[in-house]
Amino acid sequence: MIFMLKITTPSRLHMTLIDMNASRGRVDGSIGLTLDNPVISITAKKSDVIEVTGNGEHAQRMKNSAVALLPDREGIRINIEKDYPSHIGMGSGTQAALAAGMAVNRLYDLGLSVNEIALKVGRGGTSGIGVAAFENGGFILDGGHKFSEKKAFLPSAASRLPPAPVLLRKDFPEWDIMIAIPQQKGASMKKEENIFQTECPVPLREVEELSHIILMQLLPALFEEDISTFGSSINAIQELGFKKKEVRHQPVSNVLMKILREGGAYGAGMSSFGPTVYAFGEDAEELRKLAGEFLGEKALVFTTTARNEGAIVW
């Protein structure tokens, strides 16, 4: 019998949605990368009440997720030990929801898979990257959803569908990754839904070009551990499809990416709706300095690496 457990989740970069045209019969599709830092960390134990304590902005999300899974007349006490902000493009909402859901699953021996938990707590209905990052980590490519089932262009928070199938999961090289988070927020809730509905469908030609870059440039570079070509593919992705629309809503992030490329980055991209910017280069410390000088002292700028495993449950 488990009396208490601890769960530490990864974070993730969402590099791009692939097909927001849907004329081929599928929609969404994503590529993304699991990160070692930042993390969400919780402890949890059975209780006769439902309570979430500790410092962090995801208390209500965790409580809602726990309620969605708890057996009748049962409770849980969750304490948030580490958290990171929502709506910055690093997937904290999905990680928080899955952490709380997994805590209930393990404590009450429900026997649910990560995908089953995700469906119950309402995550993964557009991108499967966050769910797959929680489960296994690494670099992830997912195959989106049948448009006949989804029927609309919507973000994950507004989509009640099972997570997309994972087509590829691969360990990522030990490259330094510079992360810079401007003091803005990415689109969320109704604003995010409005962007999906007004900006989609994107031109099929751009989807085809994006798919070509992913299949014949980014993925081979990943397998060959060619950081220069991988970086140039990241740069090209920022100018295509739905990612181009996302970048347009974050002008500070767009300028920062250009500064980083001019400063020696092989590639710089924006994660999800931003504002988080990531960059790959030979000198991550120099890139960190450039980002810090541009964004100012109050911005969060740091270096991390990929995480080739999912959430850790003790």
Protein backbone atom coordinates (compact mmCIF):
# COMPACT_ATOMS: atom_id res chain seq x y z
CA MET A 1 0.00 0.00 0.00
CA ILE A 2 1.30 3.48 -0.89
CA PHE A 3 0.91 6.04 1.90
CA MET A 4 2.66 9.00 0.25
CA LEU A 5 4.33 9.66 -3.08
CA LYS A 6 6.33 12.36 -4.78
CA ILE A 7 6.03 13.26 -8.47
CA THR A 8 8.42 15.48 -10.41
CA THR A 9 7.43 16.37 -13.96
CA PRO A 10 9.54 17.74 -16.82
CA SER A 11 8.68 20.80 -18.90
CA ARG A 12 8.55 20.91 -22.68
CA LEU A 13 9.16 22.99 -25.77
CA HIS A 14 6.36 22.90 -28.33
CA MET A 15 8.19 23.53 -31.58
CA THR A 16 5.24 23.67 -33.95
CA LEU A 17 1.83 22.37 -34.90
CA ILE A 18 2.23 20.73 -38.29
CA ASP A 19 -1.10 20.66 -40.15
CA MET A 20 -3.63 23.37 -39.38
CA ASN A 21 -5.17 23.03 -42.85
CA ALA A 22 -6.83 19.62 -42.40
CA SER A 23 -7.66 19.04 -46.07
CA ARG A 24 -5.81 15.68 -45.99
CA GLY A 25 -8.16 14.38 -43.32
CA ARG A 26 -6.04 14.97 -40.21
CA VAL A 27 -5.41 18.08 -38.12
CA ASP A 28 -2.80 19.24 -35.58
CA GLY A 29 0.29 17.03 -35.43
CA SER A 30 3.24 18.37 -33.43
CA ILE A 31 6.93 18.20 -32.74
CA GLY A 32 8.36 19.01 -29.34
CA LEU A 33 11.16 18.44 -26.87
CA THR A 34 11.16 17.50 -23.18
CA LEU A 35 13.31 19.68 -20.90
CA ASP A 36 15.14 18.93 -17.67
CA ASN A 37 14.30 22.36 -16.22
CA PRO A 38 11.94 23.84 -15.06
CA VAL A 39 9.90 21.19 -13.21
CA ILE A 40 6.73 20.80 -11.20
CA SER A 41 7.17 18.73 -8.05
CA ILE A 42 4.42 17.60 -5.68
CA THR A 43 3.92 15.27 -2.75
CA ALA A 44 0.56 13.56 -2.25
CA LYS A 45 -1.20 11.28 0.21
CA LYS A 46 -4.68 9.95 0.80
CA SER A 47 -7.01 12.11 2.85
CA ASP A 48 -10.65 12.45 3.78
CA VAL A 49 -10.68 15.88 2.08
CA ILE A 50 -9.45 17.29 -1.23
CA GLU A 51 -6.76 19.87 -0.53
CA VAL A 52 -3.87 21.44 -2.45
CA THR A 53 -1.28 23.46 -0.53
CA GLY A 54 2.11 25.01 -1.20
CA ASN A 55 3.49 27.78 -3.37
CA GLY A 56 2.39 27.71 -6.97
CA GLU A 57 -0.28 28.98 -9.33
CA HIS A 58 -1.60 25.56 -10.34
CA ALA A 59 -3.44 24.65 -7.13
CA GLN A 60 -6.92 24.93 -8.64
CA ARG A 61 -5.93 23.01 -11.78
CA MET A 62 -4.52 20.20 -9.63
CA LYS A 63 -7.64 20.15 -7.48
CA ASN A 64 -9.88 19.94 -10.56
CA SER A 65 -7.79 17.10 -11.96
CA ALA A 66 -7.91 15.19 -8.69
CA VAL A 67 -11.69 15.55 -8.53
CA ALA A 68 -11.99 14.17 -12.08
CA LEU A 69 -10.30 10.92 -11.04
CA LEU A 70 -11.06 10.40 -7.35
CA PRO A 71 -13.32 7.51 -6.39
CA ASP A 72 -16.55 8.47 -4.61
CA ARG A 73 -16.12 9.77 -1.06
CA GLU A 74 -12.32 9.69 -1.27
CA GLY A 75 -9.85 12.56 -0.93
CA ILE A 76 -6.26 13.57 -1.46
CA ARG A 77 -3.85 16.06 0.05
CA ILE A 78 -1.36 17.51 -2.46
CA ASN A 79 1.49 19.83 -1.60
CA ILE A 80 3.20 21.81 -4.37
CA GLU A 81 6.94 21.90 -3.73
CA LYS A 82 8.06 23.36 -7.09
CA ASP A 83 6.05 25.06 -9.81
CA TYR A 84 6.61 27.23 -12.87
CA PRO A 85 4.34 29.83 -14.50
CA SER A 86 1.43 29.15 -16.80
CA HIS A 87 0.93 30.64 -20.27
CA ILE A 88 4.64 31.03 -21.07
CA GLY A 89 4.76 28.26 -23.68
CA MET A 90 6.35 25.53 -21.57
CA GLY A 91 3.34 23.32 -20.88
CA SER A 92 2.89 23.80 -17.13
CA GLY A 93 -0.88 23.31 -17.28
CA THR A 94 -0.61 19.82 -18.74
CA GLN A 95 2.19 18.81 -16.37
CA ALA A 96 0.27 20.06 -13.33
CA ALA A 97 -2.93 18.28 -14.39
CA LEU A 98 -1.13 15.02 -15.12
CA ALA A 99 0.87 15.16 -11.88
CA ALA A 100 -2.30 15.45 -9.80
CA GLY A 101 -4.06 12.82 -11.89
CA MET A 102 -1.15 10.39 -11.59
CA ALA A 103 -1.08 10.94 -7.82
CA VAL A 104 -4.72 9.83 -7.55
CA ASN A 105 -4.09 6.96 -9.96
CA ARG A 106 -1.20 5.56 -7.92
CA LEU A 107 -2.59 6.20 -4.44
CA TYR A 108 -5.92 4.55 -5.26
CA ASP A 109 -4.46 1.90 -7.58
CA LEU A 110 -6.77 2.83 -10.47
CA GLY A 111 -4.53 1.23 -13.10
CA LEU A 112 -4.92 4.04 -15.64
CA SER A 113 -2.42 4.79 -18.41
CA VAL A 114 -1.02 8.30 -18.89
CA ASN A 115 -3.24 8.73 -21.97
CA GLU A 116 -6.32 7.69 -20.00
CA ILE A 117 -5.47 10.17 -17.26
CA ALA A 118 -4.93 12.90 -19.86
CA LEU A 119 -8.36 12.31 -21.37
CA LYS A 120 -10.05 12.44 -17.96
CA VAL A 121 -8.33 15.70 -16.98
CA GLY A 122 -8.88 17.30 -20.40
CA ARG A 123 -5.35 17.50 -21.79
CA GLY A 124 -3.83 16.44 -25.12
CA GLY A 125 -6.80 17.23 -27.34
CA THR A 126 -4.67 19.21 -29.80
CA SER A 127 -0.99 18.55 -29.15
CA GLY A 128 0.23 15.26 -27.72
CA ILE A 129 3.67 16.64 -26.81
CA GLY A 130 2.99 17.46 -23.16
CA VAL A 131 1.38 14.08 -22.45
CA ALA A 132 4.19 12.18 -24.20
CA ALA A 133 6.81 14.30 -22.39
CA PHE A 134 5.23 13.35 -19.05
CA GLU A 135 5.21 9.68 -20.00
CA ASN A 136 8.59 9.13 -21.69
CA GLY A 137 10.45 12.39 -22.34
CA GLY A 138 12.82 12.95 -25.27
CA PHE A 139 12.06 14.42 -28.69
CA ILE A 140 8.49 13.70 -29.80
CA LEU A 141 6.55 13.72 -33.07
CA ASP A 142 2.81 13.11 -32.88
CA GLY A 143 0.33 12.42 -35.68
CA GLY A 144 -2.57 14.70 -34.79
CA HIS A 145 -6.25 13.78 -34.93
CA LYS A 146 -8.80 12.77 -37.53
CA PHE A 147 -10.56 15.96 -38.58
CA SER A 148 -13.80 14.02 -38.91
CA GLU A 149 -13.64 13.49 -35.12
CA LYS A 150 -12.32 16.89 -34.06
CA LYS A 151 -14.35 18.93 -36.60
CA ALA A 152 -12.78 22.29 -35.66
CA PHE A 153 -9.49 24.11 -35.13
CA LEU A 154 -9.15 24.32 -31.36
CA PRO A 155 -6.43 24.43 -28.68
CA SER A 156 -5.93 21.54 -26.26
CA ALA A 157 -7.82 23.26 -23.45
CA ALA A 158 -10.96 23.34 -25.60
CA SER A 159 -10.64 19.86 -27.15
CA ARG A 160 -12.01 16.74 -25.46
CA LEU A 161 -10.17 14.12 -27.47
CA PRO A 162 -7.61 11.43 -26.60
CA PRO A 163 -3.98 12.52 -27.03
CA ALA A 164 -2.61 12.16 -30.55
CA PRO A 165 -0.65 9.01 -31.43
CA VAL A 166 3.11 9.30 -30.93
CA LEU A 167 4.82 8.52 -34.26
CA LEU A 168 8.37 9.02 -33.05
CA ARG A 169 10.04 9.31 -29.65
CA LYS A 170 13.83 9.65 -29.64
CA ASP A 171 16.52 10.46 -27.09
CA PHE A 172 17.83 13.96 -27.73
CA PRO A 173 21.57 14.77 -27.83
CA GLU A 174 23.25 16.41 -24.83
CA TRP A 175 23.18 19.84 -26.48
CA ASP A 176 22.93 22.91 -24.28
CA ILE A 177 19.60 24.69 -24.77
CA MET A 178 19.29 28.38 -23.94
CA ILE A 179 15.87 29.38 -22.60
CA ALA A 180 14.71 33.01 -22.37
CA ILE A 181 11.30 34.02 -21.03
CA PRO A 182 10.24 37.63 -21.71
CA GLN A 183 7.86 39.28 -19.26
CA GLN A 184 4.78 38.69 -21.36
CA LYS A 185 2.21 35.94 -21.48
CA GLY A 186 1.21 33.70 -24.35
CA ALA A 187 -2.35 33.51 -25.63
CA SER A 188 -4.73 31.48 -23.49
CA MET A 189 -8.40 30.68 -22.93
CA LYS A 190 -10.79 32.64 -25.18
CA LYS A 191 -8.01 34.61 -26.88
CA GLU A 192 -6.25 31.38 -27.82
CA GLU A 193 -9.48 29.90 -29.19
CA ASN A 194 -10.09 33.04 -31.26
CA ILE A 195 -6.63 32.83 -32.82
CA PHE A 196 -7.20 29.21 -33.84
CA GLN A 197 -10.57 30.07 -35.36
CA THR A 198 -9.48 33.21 -37.21
CA GLU A 199 -6.02 32.06 -38.41
CA CYS A 200 -7.04 28.58 -39.60
CA PRO A 201 -7.01 26.92 -42.02
CA VAL A 202 -3.46 27.90 -42.99
CA PRO A 203 -2.45 27.46 -46.66
CA LEU A 204 -1.86 23.84 -47.63
CA ARG A 205 1.33 24.83 -49.48
CA GLU A 206 2.86 26.04 -46.20
CA VAL A 207 1.87 22.81 -44.45
CA GLU A 208 3.54 20.83 -47.23
CA GLU A 209 6.72 22.89 -47.00
CA LEU A 210 6.78 22.57 -43.21
CA SER A 211 6.30 18.80 -43.44
CA HIS A 212 9.16 18.59 -45.94
CA ILE A 213 11.49 20.50 -43.60
CA ILE A 214 10.57 18.25 -40.66
CA LEU A 215 10.92 14.99 -42.61
CA MET A 216 13.96 15.77 -44.75
CA GLN A 217 15.91 18.28 -42.66
CA LEU A 218 15.07 18.35 -38.95
CA LEU A 219 14.63 14.61 -38.33
CA PRO A 220 17.75 13.51 -40.26
CA ALA A 221 19.76 16.19 -38.43
CA LEU A 222 18.46 14.87 -35.12
CA PHE A 223 19.45 11.28 -35.93
CA GLU A 224 22.87 12.38 -37.22
CA GLU A 225 23.33 14.79 -34.27
CA ASP A 226 23.99 17.64 -36.67
CA ILE A 227 23.27 20.69 -34.52
CA SER A 228 23.88 23.19 -37.32
CA THR A 229 21.31 21.68 -39.69
CA PHE A 230 18.90 21.06 -36.82
CA GLY A 231 19.16 24.73 -35.90
CA SER A 232 18.58 25.96 -39.44
CA SER A 233 15.43 23.82 -39.63
CA ILE A 234 14.18 25.45 -36.42
CA ASN A 235 14.74 28.86 -38.01
CA ALA A 236 12.78 27.88 -41.12
CA ILE A 237 9.86 26.58 -39.04
CA GLN A 238 9.29 30.04 -37.51
CA GLU A 239 8.30 31.36 -40.96
CA LEU A 240 5.72 28.74 -41.88
CA GLY A 241 2.18 27.60 -41.13
CA PHE A 242 0.57 28.15 -37.76
CA LYS A 243 3.92 28.86 -36.09
CA LYS A 244 4.23 32.00 -38.21
CA LYS A 245 0.86 33.11 -36.81
CA GLU A 246 1.98 32.42 -33.23
CA VAL A 247 5.22 34.36 -33.65
CA ARG A 248 3.34 37.35 -35.03
CA HIS A 249 1.55 37.69 -31.67
CA GLN A 250 4.88 37.96 -29.78
CA PRO A 251 6.96 40.77 -31.31
CA VAL A 252 9.49 40.83 -28.44
CA SER A 253 10.17 37.13 -28.87
CA ASN A 254 10.50 37.59 -32.63
CA VAL A 255 13.15 40.30 -32.21
CA LEU A 256 14.99 38.19 -29.62
CA MET A 257 15.18 35.24 -32.00
CA LYS A 258 16.81 37.46 -34.63
CA ILE A 259 19.32 38.79 -32.08
CA LEU A 260 20.26 35.26 -31.04
CA ARG A 261 20.77 34.10 -34.65
CA GLU A 262 22.95 37.13 -35.37
CA GLY A 263 24.84 36.37 -32.15
CA GLY A 264 25.82 32.87 -33.16
CA ALA A 265 22.81 30.63 -32.56
CA TYR A 266 22.43 27.86 -35.12
CA GLY A 267 18.72 28.04 -34.50
CA ALA A 268 16.25 30.00 -32.37
CA GLY A 269 12.55 29.35 -32.04
CA MET A 270 9.51 30.22 -29.97
CA SER A 271 7.73 27.56 -27.95
CA SER A 272 3.97 27.27 -28.48
CA PHE A 273 2.29 30.71 -28.19
CA GLY A 274 5.37 32.02 -26.40
CA PRO A 275 6.79 34.14 -25.11
CA THR A 276 9.49 31.53 -24.29
CA VAL A 277 12.35 31.51 -26.78
CA TYR A 278 14.86 28.67 -27.08
CA ALA A 279 18.16 28.53 -28.94
CA PHE A 280 20.86 26.04 -29.89
CA GLY A 281 24.48 27.04 -30.42
CA GLU A 282 28.10 26.22 -29.68
CA ASP A 283 28.26 28.83 -26.89
CA ALA A 284 25.05 28.71 -24.87
CA GLU A 285 26.52 31.02 -22.22
CA GLU A 286 27.08 33.74 -24.80
CA LEU A 287 23.51 33.31 -26.04
CA ARG A 288 22.29 33.58 -22.46
CA LYS A 289 24.17 36.86 -22.05
CA LEU A 290 22.71 38.25 -25.27
CA ALA A 291 19.18 37.37 -24.20
CA GLY A 292 19.71 38.80 -20.74
CA GLU A 293 21.03 42.09 -22.10
CA PHE A 294 18.06 42.44 -24.44
CA LEU A 295 15.34 41.43 -21.98
CA GLY A 296 16.70 43.04 -18.82
CA GLU A 297 17.35 41.79 -15.31
CA LYS A 298 13.75 40.83 -14.50
CA ALA A 299 13.48 38.30 -17.32
CA LEU A 300 14.24 34.64 -16.66
CA VAL A 301 17.15 33.40 -18.78
CA PHE A 302 18.94 30.09 -18.21
CA THR A 303 20.57 27.09 -19.85
CA THR A 304 19.25 23.55 -19.63
CA THR A 305 19.36 20.25 -21.54
CA ALA A 306 16.82 17.81 -22.91
CA ARG A 307 15.31 15.22 -20.59
CA ASN A 308 15.15 11.73 -22.02
CA GLU A 309 12.75 10.34 -19.44
CA GLY A 310 9.31 11.31 -18.28
CA ALA A 311 7.91 12.24 -14.89
CA ILE A 312 9.54 10.57 -11.91
CA VAL A 313 7.27 8.98 -9.30
CA TRP A 314 8.68 7.99 -5.94
